[in-house]
């Protein structure tokens, strides 16, 4: 067997410079500072590079020289796959993208719910981080602290040294519950998003539950909580079906997301319940499809939240100190909640 040929040597920037009889700095400028060359000279450089098979400066080496990668990491607190199907997550990421793309930066989506060391946050080549709905005790937050990276928190508990962008979760949830109380409902089911660990719950989800409970303080109303394993219509449907079957006295459902509310509407239909005549349903988020479903829900500025998070991180990268912001919510009354009729479905 003939000996294997050694791998071909990688063509370098200096090879292009030698071919043209120019300096290495001239070739570098053709890629990194084209305004420093005439259009004719730059075209000669690029043509010679193509002929030699030179693909341009190594991006990793370039980022090391500059001390910047041009990449922002968004740490997602749930399974990465859900970021592509959860409309609220998509709106948020779109808002972040609008902010950073104006500065020529890119986004890298990182898993934040995995606790295995060292974890993606500890090793990702990024200039800064946006931690989206990650628990306070997560390894992602600890890694961000250890690396001293510019970091913005979104939808979680405040942490010293980090700007926080969020919404008024508790007041929005309280307004939803008060709306049902005003309609005469006293037996309320809650389809909850995953709360996280007891020692480190998801702060924004806990805030919504606190809002529901606060609205019921001083009333005779009762709340029946069931926690969903994830934020999907399928889980919402299963959870609502189980809850409504086991507790027929429930006349209204408070859903911590519109996605769960969509599942609740399916469960009601499967059980032969008319919405809102037999069962009232209120969601949270006001995602684009909710208007078509005529869903009463709590609106939050999801896209603006992403935009504000991106802007806050850009400010940190400039060396500024942005403040924290809580954006307002509001109840959007549509057609899935109505006056309670009779004594409830079971009576």
Foldseek 3Di string as FASTA:
>chain_A
DDDDDDDDDADDLVNLCVVVVHDSVLLLCLPVPVVVDDPVSSVSSVVSCVVVVNPHDDLVVVCVVVVANLEEEEEEADPPVVCVVPLLSVLLQLLLCVQSVVVVGYYDYAYFNDQDPPGCLLPDRHQAYEYEQHWPPTNNVVSCVVVVHQYEYEQADDDPPHAYEYAQLLQLLLVVLLVQVVLPFQEEEEEAEDQPDPVTGRHSRVSSVNSNVVNCPPHNGDYHYDYFPHQALCSLLVVLLVVCVVDQQGAEYEYAAVRSQNNNVVNCVVVVHDFNQQHAYEHEDCRVCCVVVQHWYKHDSSNVSSNVRNVCSVCVVVVHHDHYDYHYIGTDHTGRHHRHDDRGRVD
